[in-house]
Amino acid sequence: MKNEITLKINVDDLILQALKEDITSEDITTNAVLQENKRGQVQLLCKQDGVVAGLDVFYRVFLLLDPSTQIQAYVQDGDTVKNGELLAVISADIRALLSGERTALNFLQRMSGIASYTRIIVDLLKGSKTKLLDTRKTTPNMRIFEKYAVKVGGGYNHRFNLSDGILLKDNHIAAAGGVKKAVKLAKEYASFVHKIEVEVENLGMLQEALEAGADIIMLDNMSVETMKKAVQMIGDKAESECSGNVTKERIKELVDIGVDYISCGALTHSASILDVSLKNLKVL
């Protein structure tokens, strides 16, 4: 997220909303103890091993509060970090440091937690052809941050939103009147640049999707043995994706199935935060 234009267009409003959530009228504690401009600096310390993500967003929080904010970063997004490591030193108006601390840390901890969890699963998939995908199971208004964190961790983004691509799930298929009908309608409606993905729950639905000319087949909540049969049926007729209750604990039983992609909602809905904190504030 180092592109200044990208930050201004996509991120600044969301950061300001988060700051407004935390400061409805004033930071009464900070204003009580510090009533004039004093410059200070504080250390960003890591309290847990993991992968860091979101440093630009973290910095941006303080920059929006104080345009003179400076940061000396000793790591960058995607780096493996260790408990006790000094990640950065931030210099700014102390009032900005105090008022922005929690919001900045919330973004950084959440994003780094997702990147850390993603990296664990990506490492478990090493040596296979399978790529790890995220889903739309994201925190409302946090999708841009959470999907970025997945990429930092080594994963890939599935659809960013409903406008990005066609994914015919069970309820779409029911509404259309069947797999073949749903695929036919999608092909008639969509631009030729869009691939058509179909979610199937059994081998019968898979056969229909193949006959209808689906580009990607999502094998949803199937047993390992059924998925292996499904991959053989698909061959080179379409790309394959495995989905449904995927966690790091299940990767070992999924890695040898041979699917092109594994999508994992847990990357964004169940990752723990990475514990980091701001410490050792001093007046300059």
C-alpha atoms as a PDB file:
ATOM      1  CA  MET A   1       0.000   0.000   0.000  1.00  0.00           C
ATOM      2  CA  LYS A   2       2.945   2.316  -0.477  1.00  0.00           C
ATOM      3  CA  ASN A   3       1.340   4.150  -3.382  1.00  0.00           C
ATOM      4  CA  GLU A   4       0.294   7.584  -2.095  1.00  0.00           C
ATOM      5  CA  ILE A   5      -2.629   7.835  -4.519  1.00  0.00           C
ATOM      6  CA  THR A   6      -3.910   4.401  -3.498  1.00  0.00           C
ATOM      7  CA  LEU A   7      -3.798   5.390   0.145  1.00  0.00           C
ATOM      8  CA  LYS A   8      -5.640   8.671  -0.416  1.00  0.00           C
ATOM      9  CA  ILE A   9      -8.368   7.145  -2.574  1.00  0.00           C
ATOM     10  CA  ASN A  10      -8.969   3.845  -0.813  1.00  0.00           C
ATOM     11  CA  VAL A  11      -7.700   4.108   2.737  1.00  0.00           C
ATOM     12  CA  ASP A  12      -7.829   7.607   4.209  1.00  0.00           C
ATOM     13  CA  ASP A  13     -11.617   7.747   4.583  1.00  0.00           C
ATOM     14  CA  LEU A  14     -11.666   4.377   6.336  1.00  0.00           C
ATOM     15  CA  ILE A  15      -8.910   5.437   8.726  1.00  0.00           C
ATOM     16  CA  LEU A  16     -10.736   8.675   9.493  1.00  0.00           C
ATOM     17  CA  GLN A  17     -13.922   6.704  10.222  1.00  0.00           C
ATOM     18  CA  ALA A  18     -11.978   4.562  12.668  1.00  0.00           C
ATOM     19  CA  LEU A  19     -10.503   7.649  14.334  1.00  0.00           C
ATOM     20  CA  LYS A  20     -13.952   9.246  14.592  1.00  0.00           C
ATOM     21  CA  GLU A  21     -15.236   6.062  16.213  1.00  0.00           C
ATOM     22  CA  ASP A  22     -12.542   6.436  18.891  1.00  0.00           C
ATOM     23  CA  ILE A  23     -12.652  10.245  19.225  1.00  0.00           C
ATOM     24  CA  THR A  24     -16.221  11.504  18.995  1.00  0.00           C
ATOM     25  CA  SER A  25     -15.420  15.048  20.134  1.00  0.00           C
ATOM     26  CA  GLU A  26     -12.022  15.037  21.834  1.00  0.00           C
ATOM     27  CA  ASP A  27      -9.451  12.817  23.500  1.00  0.00           C
ATOM     28  CA  ILE A  28     -10.263  14.072  26.967  1.00  0.00           C
ATOM     29  CA  THR A  29      -7.408  12.226  28.678  1.00  0.00           C
ATOM     30  CA  THR A  30      -4.694  13.515  26.373  1.00  0.00           C
ATOM     31  CA  ASN A  31      -6.077  17.048  26.351  1.00  0.00           C
ATOM     32  CA  ALA A  32      -6.153  17.040  30.154  1.00  0.00           C
ATOM     33  CA  VAL A  33      -2.456  16.207  30.577  1.00  0.00           C
ATOM     34  CA  LEU A  34      -1.022  17.882  27.473  1.00  0.00           C
ATOM     35  CA  GLN A  35      -2.398  21.240  26.461  1.00  0.00           C
ATOM     36  CA  GLU A  36       0.328  22.405  24.120  1.00  0.00           C
ATOM     37  CA  ASN A  37       2.296  21.093  21.167  1.00  0.00           C
ATOM     38  CA  LYS A  38       5.202  18.914  22.294  1.00  0.00           C
ATOM     39  CA  ARG A  39       7.104  16.674  19.937  1.00  0.00           C
ATOM     40  CA  GLY A  40       7.941  13.183  21.051  1.00  0.00           C
ATOM     41  CA  GLN A  41       8.824   9.741  19.842  1.00  0.00           C
ATOM     42  CA  VAL A  42       7.707   6.249  20.711  1.00  0.00           C
ATOM     43  CA  GLN A  43       8.891   2.742  19.882  1.00  0.00           C
ATOM     44  CA  LEU A  44       6.824   0.114  18.078  1.00  0.00           C
ATOM     45  CA  LEU A  45       7.692  -3.211  19.694  1.00  0.00           C
ATOM     46  CA  CYS A  46       6.760  -6.741  18.674  1.00  0.00           C
ATOM     47  CA  LYS A  47       5.487  -8.997  21.463  1.00  0.00           C
ATOM     48  CA  GLN A  48       4.904 -12.152  19.431  1.00  0.00           C
ATOM     49  CA  ASP A  49       6.543 -14.032  16.545  1.00  0.00           C
ATOM     50  CA  GLY A  50       4.799 -13.621  13.207  1.00  0.00           C
ATOM     51  CA  VAL A  51       4.625 -11.727   9.909  1.00  0.00           C
ATOM     52  CA  VAL A  52       4.162  -7.962   9.868  1.00  0.00           C
ATOM     53  CA  ALA A  53       1.598  -6.310   7.572  1.00  0.00           C
ATOM     54  CA  GLY A  54       0.039  -2.850   7.523  1.00  0.00           C
ATOM     55  CA  LEU A  55       2.945  -0.593   8.418  1.00  0.00           C
ATOM     56  CA  ASP A  56       1.865   2.033   5.884  1.00  0.00           C
ATOM     57  CA  VAL A  57      -1.648   2.049   7.335  1.00  0.00           C
ATOM     58  CA  PHE A  58      -0.257   2.262  10.865  1.00  0.00           C
ATOM     59  CA  TYR A  59       1.892   5.252   9.864  1.00  0.00           C
ATOM     60  CA  ARG A  60      -0.972   6.857   7.970  1.00  0.00           C
ATOM     61  CA  VAL A  61      -3.100   7.063  11.113  1.00  0.00           C
ATOM     62  CA  PHE A  62      -0.562   9.363  12.760  1.00  0.00           C
ATOM     63  CA  LEU A  63       0.117  11.258   9.546  1.00  0.00           C
ATOM     64  CA  LEU A  64      -3.555  12.198   9.254  1.00  0.00           C
ATOM     65  CA  LEU A  65      -3.448  13.540  12.810  1.00  0.00           C
ATOM     66  CA  ASP A  66      -0.095  15.278  12.398  1.00  0.00           C
ATOM     67  CA  PRO A  67       1.294  15.864   8.865  1.00  0.00           C
ATOM     68  CA  SER A  68       4.792  16.286  10.320  1.00  0.00           C
ATOM     69  CA  THR A  69       4.851  12.681  11.593  1.00  0.00           C
ATOM     70  CA  GLN A  70       7.993  10.721  10.742  1.00  0.00           C
ATOM     71  CA  ILE A  71       8.654   7.019  10.995  1.00  0.00           C
ATOM     72  CA  GLN A  72      11.896   5.077  11.034  1.00  0.00           C
ATOM     73  CA  ALA A  73      10.897   1.533  10.119  1.00  0.00           C
ATOM     74  CA  TYR A  74      13.322  -1.342  10.687  1.00  0.00           C
ATOM     75  CA  VAL A  75      11.132  -3.946   8.968  1.00  0.00           C
ATOM     76  CA  GLN A  76       8.765  -3.951   6.006  1.00  0.00           C
ATOM     77  CA  ASP A  77       5.496  -5.681   5.215  1.00  0.00           C
ATOM     78  CA  GLY A  78       6.029  -9.408   4.703  1.00  0.00           C
ATOM     79  CA  ASP A  79       9.014  -9.660   7.038  1.00  0.00           C
ATOM     80  CA  THR A  80       9.090 -12.322   9.729  1.00  0.00           C
ATOM     81  CA  VAL A  81       9.334 -10.619  13.122  1.00  0.00           C
ATOM     82  CA  LYS A  82      10.240 -11.901  16.583  1.00  0.00           C
ATOM     83  CA  ASN A  83       9.028 -11.294  20.103  1.00  0.00           C
ATOM     84  CA  GLY A  84      10.896  -8.312  21.556  1.00  0.00           C
ATOM     85  CA  GLU A  85      11.996  -6.906  18.192  1.00  0.00           C
ATOM     86  CA  LEU A  86      11.991  -3.149  17.593  1.00  0.00           C
ATOM     87  CA  LEU A  87       9.874  -2.627  14.483  1.00  0.00           C
ATOM     88  CA  ALA A  88       9.877   1.166  14.154  1.00  0.00           C
ATOM     89  CA  VAL A  89      10.272   4.512  15.890  1.00  0.00           C
ATOM     90  CA  ILE A  90       7.553   7.123  15.335  1.00  0.00           C
ATOM     91  CA  SER A  91       8.079  10.860  15.887  1.00  0.00           C
ATOM     92  CA  ALA A  92       5.175  13.332  16.009  1.00  0.00           C
ATOM     93  CA  ASP A  93       3.195  15.741  18.144  1.00  0.00           C
ATOM     94  CA  ILE A  94       2.728  13.747  21.345  1.00  0.00           C
ATOM     95  CA  ARG A  95      -0.999  14.458  21.249  1.00  0.00           C
ATOM     96  CA  ALA A  96      -1.201  12.714  17.875  1.00  0.00           C
ATOM     97  CA  LEU A  97       0.802   9.763  19.191  1.00  0.00           C
ATOM     98  CA  LEU A  98      -1.477   9.348  22.195  1.00  0.00           C
ATOM     99  CA  SER A  99      -4.770   9.899  20.370  1.00  0.00           C
ATOM    100  CA  GLY A 100      -3.921   7.703  17.392  1.00  0.00           C
ATOM    101  CA  GLU A 101      -2.230   4.875  19.275  1.00  0.00           C
ATOM    102  CA  ARG A 102      -5.154   2.471  19.637  1.00  0.00           C
ATOM    103  CA  THR A 103      -6.499   2.948  16.115  1.00  0.00           C
ATOM    104  CA  ALA A 104      -3.059   2.532  14.560  1.00  0.00           C
ATOM    105  CA  LEU A 105      -2.353  -0.596  16.577  1.00  0.00           C
ATOM    106  CA  ASN A 106      -5.764  -2.084  15.803  1.00  0.00           C
ATOM    107  CA  PHE A 107      -5.050  -1.900  12.076  1.00  0.00           C
ATOM    108  CA  LEU A 108      -1.498  -3.221  12.402  1.00  0.00           C
ATOM    109  CA  GLN A 109      -2.348  -6.049  14.787  1.00  0.00           C
ATOM    110  CA  ARG A 110      -5.294  -7.239  12.715  1.00  0.00           C
ATOM    111  CA  MET A 111      -3.441  -7.114   9.414  1.00  0.00           C
ATOM    112  CA  SER A 112      -0.306  -8.733  10.817  1.00  0.00           C
ATOM    113  CA  GLY A 113      -2.374 -11.516  12.386  1.00  0.00           C
ATOM    114  CA  ILE A 114      -3.954 -12.320   9.026  1.00  0.00           C
ATOM    115  CA  ALA A 115      -0.579 -12.242   7.263  1.00  0.00           C
ATOM    116  CA  SER A 116       0.892 -14.536   9.923  1.00  0.00           C
ATOM    117  CA  TYR A 117      -1.911 -17.098   9.646  1.00  0.00           C
ATOM    118  CA  THR A 118      -1.768 -16.958   5.853  1.00  0.00           C
ATOM    119  CA  ARG A 119       1.996 -17.576   5.856  1.00  0.00           C
ATOM    120  CA  ILE A 120       1.537 -20.708   7.989  1.00  0.00           C
ATOM    121  CA  ILE A 121      -0.853 -22.249   5.459  1.00  0.00           C
ATOM    122  CA  VAL A 122       1.183 -21.098   2.443  1.00  0.00           C
ATOM    123  CA  ASP A 123       4.216 -22.846   3.936  1.00  0.00           C
ATOM    124  CA  LEU A 124       2.168 -26.034   4.379  1.00  0.00           C
ATOM    125  CA  LEU A 125       1.286 -25.911   0.654  1.00  0.00           C
ATOM    126  CA  LYS A 126       4.893 -25.579  -0.511  1.00  0.00           C
ATOM    127  CA  GLY A 127       5.850 -28.192  -3.084  1.00  0.00           C
ATOM    128  CA  SER A 128       2.302 -28.503  -4.416  1.00  0.00           C
ATOM    129  CA  LYS A 129       0.671 -26.701  -7.345  1.00  0.00           C
ATOM    130  CA  THR A 130      -2.164 -25.465  -5.128  1.00  0.00           C
ATOM    131  CA  LYS A 131      -2.568 -21.739  -4.471  1.00  0.00           C
ATOM    132  CA  LEU A 132      -4.208 -20.370  -1.341  1.00  0.00           C
ATOM    133  CA  LEU A 133      -7.155 -17.973  -1.805  1.00  0.00           C
ATOM    134  CA  ASP A 134      -9.068 -15.764   0.588  1.00  0.00           C
ATOM    135  CA  THR A 135     -12.844 -15.182   0.515  1.00  0.00           C
ATOM    136  CA  ARG A 136     -15.333 -12.347   1.048  1.00  0.00           C
ATOM    137  CA  LYS A 137     -15.742 -13.391   4.697  1.00  0.00           C
ATOM    138  CA  THR A 138     -14.152 -10.184   5.874  1.00  0.00           C
ATOM    139  CA  THR A 139     -14.878  -7.623   8.585  1.00  0.00           C
ATOM    140  CA  PRO A 140     -17.253  -4.934   7.237  1.00  0.00           C
ATOM    141  CA  ASN A 141     -15.302  -1.904   5.995  1.00  0.00           C
ATOM    142  CA  MET A 142     -12.006  -3.740   6.555  1.00  0.00           C
ATOM    143  CA  ARG A 143     -11.859  -5.757   3.325  1.00  0.00           C
ATOM    144  CA  ILE A 144      -9.156  -3.700   1.613  1.00  0.00           C
ATOM    145  CA  PHE A 145      -6.910  -4.078   4.655  1.00  0.00           C
ATOM    146  CA  GLU A 146      -7.608  -7.757   5.239  1.00  0.00           C
ATOM    147  CA  LYS A 147      -7.211  -8.842   1.625  1.00  0.00           C
ATOM    148  CA  TYR A 148      -3.977  -6.859   1.391  1.00  0.00           C
ATOM    149  CA  ALA A 149      -2.737  -8.720   4.473  1.00  0.00           C
ATOM    150  CA  VAL A 150      -3.475 -12.060   2.789  1.00  0.00           C
ATOM    151  CA  LYS A 151      -1.275 -11.039  -0.145  1.00  0.00           C
ATOM    152  CA  VAL A 152       1.493  -9.965   2.233  1.00  0.00           C
ATOM    153  CA  GLY A 153       1.307 -13.404   3.831  1.00  0.00           C
ATOM    154  CA  GLY A 154       1.779 -15.085   0.452  1.00  0.00           C
ATOM    155  CA  GLY A 155      -1.826 -15.891  -0.414  1.00  0.00           C
ATOM    156  CA  TYR A 156      -3.933 -14.758  -3.348  1.00  0.00           C
ATOM    157  CA  ASN A 157      -7.139 -12.750  -3.489  1.00  0.00           C
ATOM    158  CA  HIS A 158     -10.346 -14.371  -4.721  1.00  0.00           C
ATOM    159  CA  ARG A 159     -13.093 -11.942  -5.775  1.00  0.00           C
ATOM    160  CA  PHE A 160     -12.744  -8.577  -4.067  1.00  0.00           C
ATOM    161  CA  ASN A 161     -16.485  -7.992  -4.334  1.00  0.00           C
ATOM    162  CA  LEU A 162     -19.580  -9.114  -6.232  1.00  0.00           C
ATOM    163  CA  SER A 163     -18.649  -7.042  -9.281  1.00  0.00           C
ATOM    164  CA  ASP A 164     -15.328  -8.840  -9.747  1.00  0.00           C
ATOM    165  CA  GLY A 165     -16.456 -12.177 -11.105  1.00  0.00           C
ATOM    166  CA  ILE A 166     -19.223 -14.735 -11.494  1.00  0.00           C
ATOM    167  CA  LEU A 167     -19.550 -17.394  -8.812  1.00  0.00           C
ATOM    168  CA  LEU A 168     -22.723 -19.450  -9.071  1.00  0.00           C
ATOM    169  CA  LYS A 169     -23.387 -20.785  -5.571  1.00  0.00           C
ATOM    170  CA  ASP A 170     -26.145 -23.119  -4.386  1.00  0.00           C
ATOM    171  CA  ASN A 171     -28.780 -20.404  -4.036  1.00  0.00           C
ATOM    172  CA  HIS A 172     -27.980 -18.897  -7.452  1.00  0.00           C
ATOM    173  CA  ILE A 173     -28.340 -22.357  -8.968  1.00  0.00           C
ATOM    174  CA  ALA A 174     -31.643 -22.898  -7.175  1.00  0.00           C
ATOM    175  CA  ALA A 175     -32.911 -19.503  -8.332  1.00  0.00           C
ATOM    176  CA  ALA A 176     -31.956 -20.259 -11.951  1.00  0.00           C
ATOM    177  CA  GLY A 177     -33.454 -23.744 -11.956  1.00  0.00           C
ATOM    178  CA  GLY A 178     -30.329 -25.885 -12.129  1.00  0.00           C
ATOM    179  CA  VAL A 179     -26.611 -25.881 -12.902  1.00  0.00           C
ATOM    180  CA  LYS A 180     -26.876 -25.921 -16.693  1.00  0.00           C
ATOM    181  CA  LYS A 181     -29.501 -23.190 -16.726  1.00  0.00           C
ATOM    182  CA  ALA A 182     -27.449 -21.009 -14.371  1.00  0.00           C
ATOM    183  CA  VAL A 183     -24.301 -21.335 -16.478  1.00  0.00           C
ATOM    184  CA  LYS A 184     -26.241 -20.642 -19.679  1.00  0.00           C
ATOM    185  CA  LEU A 185     -27.766 -17.475 -18.218  1.00  0.00           C
ATOM    186  CA  ALA A 186     -24.399 -16.328 -16.897  1.00  0.00           C
ATOM    187  CA  LYS A 187     -22.747 -16.787 -20.293  1.00  0.00           C
ATOM    188  CA  GLU A 188     -25.514 -14.835 -21.995  1.00  0.00           C
ATOM    189  CA  TYR A 189     -25.324 -11.966 -19.515  1.00  0.00           C
ATOM    190  CA  ALA A 190     -21.641 -11.573 -18.710  1.00  0.00           C
ATOM    191  CA  SER A 191     -18.857 -10.051 -20.754  1.00  0.00           C
ATOM    192  CA  PHE A 192     -16.533 -12.524 -22.460  1.00  0.00           C
ATOM    193  CA  VAL A 193     -13.706 -11.378 -20.160  1.00  0.00           C
ATOM    194  CA  HIS A 194     -15.385 -12.947 -17.118  1.00  0.00           C
ATOM    195  CA  LYS A 195     -14.756 -16.558 -16.178  1.00  0.00           C
ATOM    196  CA  ILE A 196     -17.685 -18.509 -14.795  1.00  0.00           C
ATOM    197  CA  GLU A 197     -17.175 -20.426 -11.564  1.00  0.00           C
ATOM    198  CA  VAL A 198     -19.720 -22.938 -10.295  1.00  0.00           C
ATOM    199  CA  GLU A 199     -20.007 -24.315  -6.769  1.00  0.00           C
ATOM    200  CA  VAL A 200     -20.856 -28.014  -6.726  1.00  0.00           C
ATOM    201  CA  GLU A 201     -21.664 -30.285  -3.802  1.00  0.00           C
ATOM    202  CA  ASN A 202     -21.575 -33.695  -5.460  1.00  0.00           C
ATOM    203  CA  LEU A 203     -20.304 -35.475  -8.568  1.00  0.00           C
ATOM    204  CA  GLY A 204     -23.641 -35.185 -10.327  1.00  0.00           C
ATOM    205  CA  MET A 205     -23.566 -31.396 -10.111  1.00  0.00           C
ATOM    206  CA  LEU A 206     -19.930 -31.503 -11.214  1.00  0.00           C
ATOM    207  CA  GLN A 207     -20.829 -33.390 -14.368  1.00  0.00           C
ATOM    208  CA  GLU A 208     -23.536 -30.847 -15.179  1.00  0.00           C
ATOM    209  CA  ALA A 209     -21.129 -27.956 -14.651  1.00  0.00           C
ATOM    210  CA  LEU A 210     -18.548 -29.542 -16.962  1.00  0.00           C
ATOM    211  CA  GLU A 211     -21.136 -30.189 -19.655  1.00  0.00           C
ATOM    212  CA  ALA A 212     -22.318 -26.576 -19.365  1.00  0.00           C
ATOM    213  CA  GLY A 213     -18.789 -25.300 -19.944  1.00  0.00           C
ATOM    214  CA  ALA A 214     -17.925 -23.806 -16.544  1.00  0.00           C
ATOM    215  CA  ASP A 215     -14.410 -22.353 -16.366  1.00  0.00           C
ATOM    216  CA  ILE A 216     -13.794 -23.048 -12.669  1.00  0.00           C
ATOM    217  CA  ILE A 217     -15.356 -25.703 -10.449  1.00  0.00           C
ATOM    218  CA  MET A 218     -15.572 -25.096  -6.706  1.00  0.00           C
ATOM    219  CA  LEU A 219     -15.745 -28.368  -4.771  1.00  0.00           C
ATOM    220  CA  ASP A 220     -17.723 -27.355  -1.708  1.00  0.00           C
ATOM    221  CA  ASN A 221     -17.698 -29.337   1.536  1.00  0.00           C
ATOM    222  CA  MET A 222     -16.863 -32.636  -0.152  1.00  0.00           C
ATOM    223  CA  SER A 223     -15.006 -35.508   1.475  1.00  0.00           C
ATOM    224  CA  VAL A 224     -11.367 -35.969   0.542  1.00  0.00           C
ATOM    225  CA  GLU A 225     -12.148 -39.123  -1.435  1.00  0.00           C
ATOM    226  CA  THR A 226     -14.944 -37.422  -3.371  1.00  0.00           C
ATOM    227  CA  MET A 227     -12.701 -34.469  -4.172  1.00  0.00           C
ATOM    228  CA  LYS A 228     -10.034 -36.800  -5.535  1.00  0.00           C
ATOM    229  CA  LYS A 229     -12.627 -38.347  -7.868  1.00  0.00           C
ATOM    230  CA  ALA A 230     -13.803 -34.866  -8.813  1.00  0.00           C
ATOM    231  CA  VAL A 231     -10.298 -33.726  -9.759  1.00  0.00           C
ATOM    232  CA  GLN A 232      -9.942 -36.765 -12.025  1.00  0.00           C
ATOM    233  CA  MET A 233     -13.279 -35.959 -13.674  1.00  0.00           C
ATOM    234  CA  ILE A 234     -12.288 -32.335 -14.209  1.00  0.00           C
ATOM    235  CA  GLY A 235      -8.888 -33.111 -15.729  1.00  0.00           C
ATOM    236  CA  ASP A 236      -7.959 -30.204 -17.988  1.00  0.00           C
ATOM    237  CA  LYS A 237     -11.581 -29.273 -18.750  1.00  0.00           C
ATOM    238  CA  ALA A 238     -11.653 -26.560 -16.064  1.00  0.00           C
ATOM    239  CA  GLU A 239      -9.763 -25.188 -13.081  1.00  0.00           C
ATOM    240  CA  SER A 240     -10.578 -26.625  -9.675  1.00  0.00           C
ATOM    241  CA  GLU A 241     -11.048 -25.061  -6.256  1.00  0.00           C
ATOM    242  CA  CYS A 242     -11.585 -26.693  -2.880  1.00  0.00           C
ATOM    243  CA  SER A 243     -13.713 -24.854  -0.315  1.00  0.00           C
ATOM    244  CA  GLY A 244     -15.493 -25.417   2.976  1.00  0.00           C
ATOM    245  CA  ASN A 245     -14.206 -25.416   6.557  1.00  0.00           C
ATOM    246  CA  VAL A 246     -10.577 -25.067   5.496  1.00  0.00           C
ATOM    247  CA  THR A 247      -8.166 -24.417   8.374  1.00  0.00           C
ATOM    248  CA  LYS A 248      -4.440 -24.904   8.860  1.00  0.00           C
ATOM    249  CA  GLU A 249      -5.230 -28.183  10.648  1.00  0.00           C
ATOM    250  CA  ARG A 250      -6.913 -29.589   7.511  1.00  0.00           C
ATOM    251  CA  ILE A 251      -4.283 -28.578   4.964  1.00  0.00           C
ATOM    252  CA  LYS A 252      -2.281 -31.794   5.314  1.00  0.00           C
ATOM    253  CA  GLU A 253      -5.247 -33.863   4.122  1.00  0.00           C
ATOM    254  CA  LEU A 254      -6.031 -31.455   1.273  1.00  0.00           C
ATOM    255  CA  VAL A 255      -2.581 -30.778  -0.149  1.00  0.00           C
ATOM    256  CA  ASP A 256      -2.338 -34.004  -2.169  1.00  0.00           C
ATOM    257  CA  ILE A 257      -5.799 -33.814  -3.774  1.00  0.00           C
ATOM    258  CA  GLY A 258      -4.418 -31.867  -6.741  1.00  0.00           C
ATOM    259  CA  VAL A 259      -6.806 -28.902  -6.858  1.00  0.00           C
ATOM    260  CA  ASP A 260      -5.589 -25.671  -8.402  1.00  0.00           C
ATOM    261  CA  TYR A 261      -6.851 -23.530  -5.530  1.00  0.00           C
ATOM    262  CA  ILE A 262      -7.900 -23.835  -1.911  1.00  0.00           C
ATOM    263  CA  SER A 263     -10.095 -21.013  -0.593  1.00  0.00           C
ATOM    264  CA  CYS A 264     -10.003 -20.357   3.123  1.00  0.00           C
ATOM    265  CA  GLY A 265     -12.403 -18.033   4.915  1.00  0.00           C
ATOM    266  CA  ALA A 266     -10.492 -18.570   8.152  1.00  0.00           C
ATOM    267  CA  LEU A 267      -7.677 -16.361   6.844  1.00  0.00           C
ATOM    268  CA  THR A 268      -9.815 -13.300   7.480  1.00  0.00           C
ATOM    269  CA  HIS A 269     -12.555 -14.396   9.866  1.00  0.00           C
ATOM    270  CA  SER A 270     -10.556 -16.450  12.369  1.00  0.00           C
ATOM    271  CA  ALA A 271      -6.950 -15.231  12.403  1.00  0.00           C
ATOM    272  CA  SER A 272      -5.733 -13.999  15.788  1.00  0.00           C
ATOM    273  CA  ILE A 273      -4.055 -10.617  16.040  1.00  0.00           C
ATOM    274  CA  LEU A 274      -0.288 -10.272  16.202  1.00  0.00           C
ATOM    275  CA  ASP A 275       0.552  -8.599  19.500  1.00  0.00           C
ATOM    276  CA  VAL A 276       2.476  -5.335  19.039  1.00  0.00           C
ATOM    277  CA  SER A 277       2.576  -2.238  21.223  1.00  0.00           C
ATOM    278  CA  LEU A 278       3.843   1.337  21.467  1.00  0.00           C
ATOM    279  CA  LYS A 279       6.239   1.799  24.369  1.00  0.00           C
ATOM    280  CA  ASN A 280       8.897   4.091  25.810  1.00  0.00           C
ATOM    281  CA  LEU A 281       7.390   7.439  24.859  1.00  0.00           C
ATOM    282  CA  LYS A 282       9.778  10.321  25.385  1.00  0.00           C
ATOM    283  CA  VAL A 283       9.628  14.065  24.857  1.00  0.00           C
ATOM    284  CA  LEU A 284      12.077  15.431  22.281  1.00  0.00           C
END
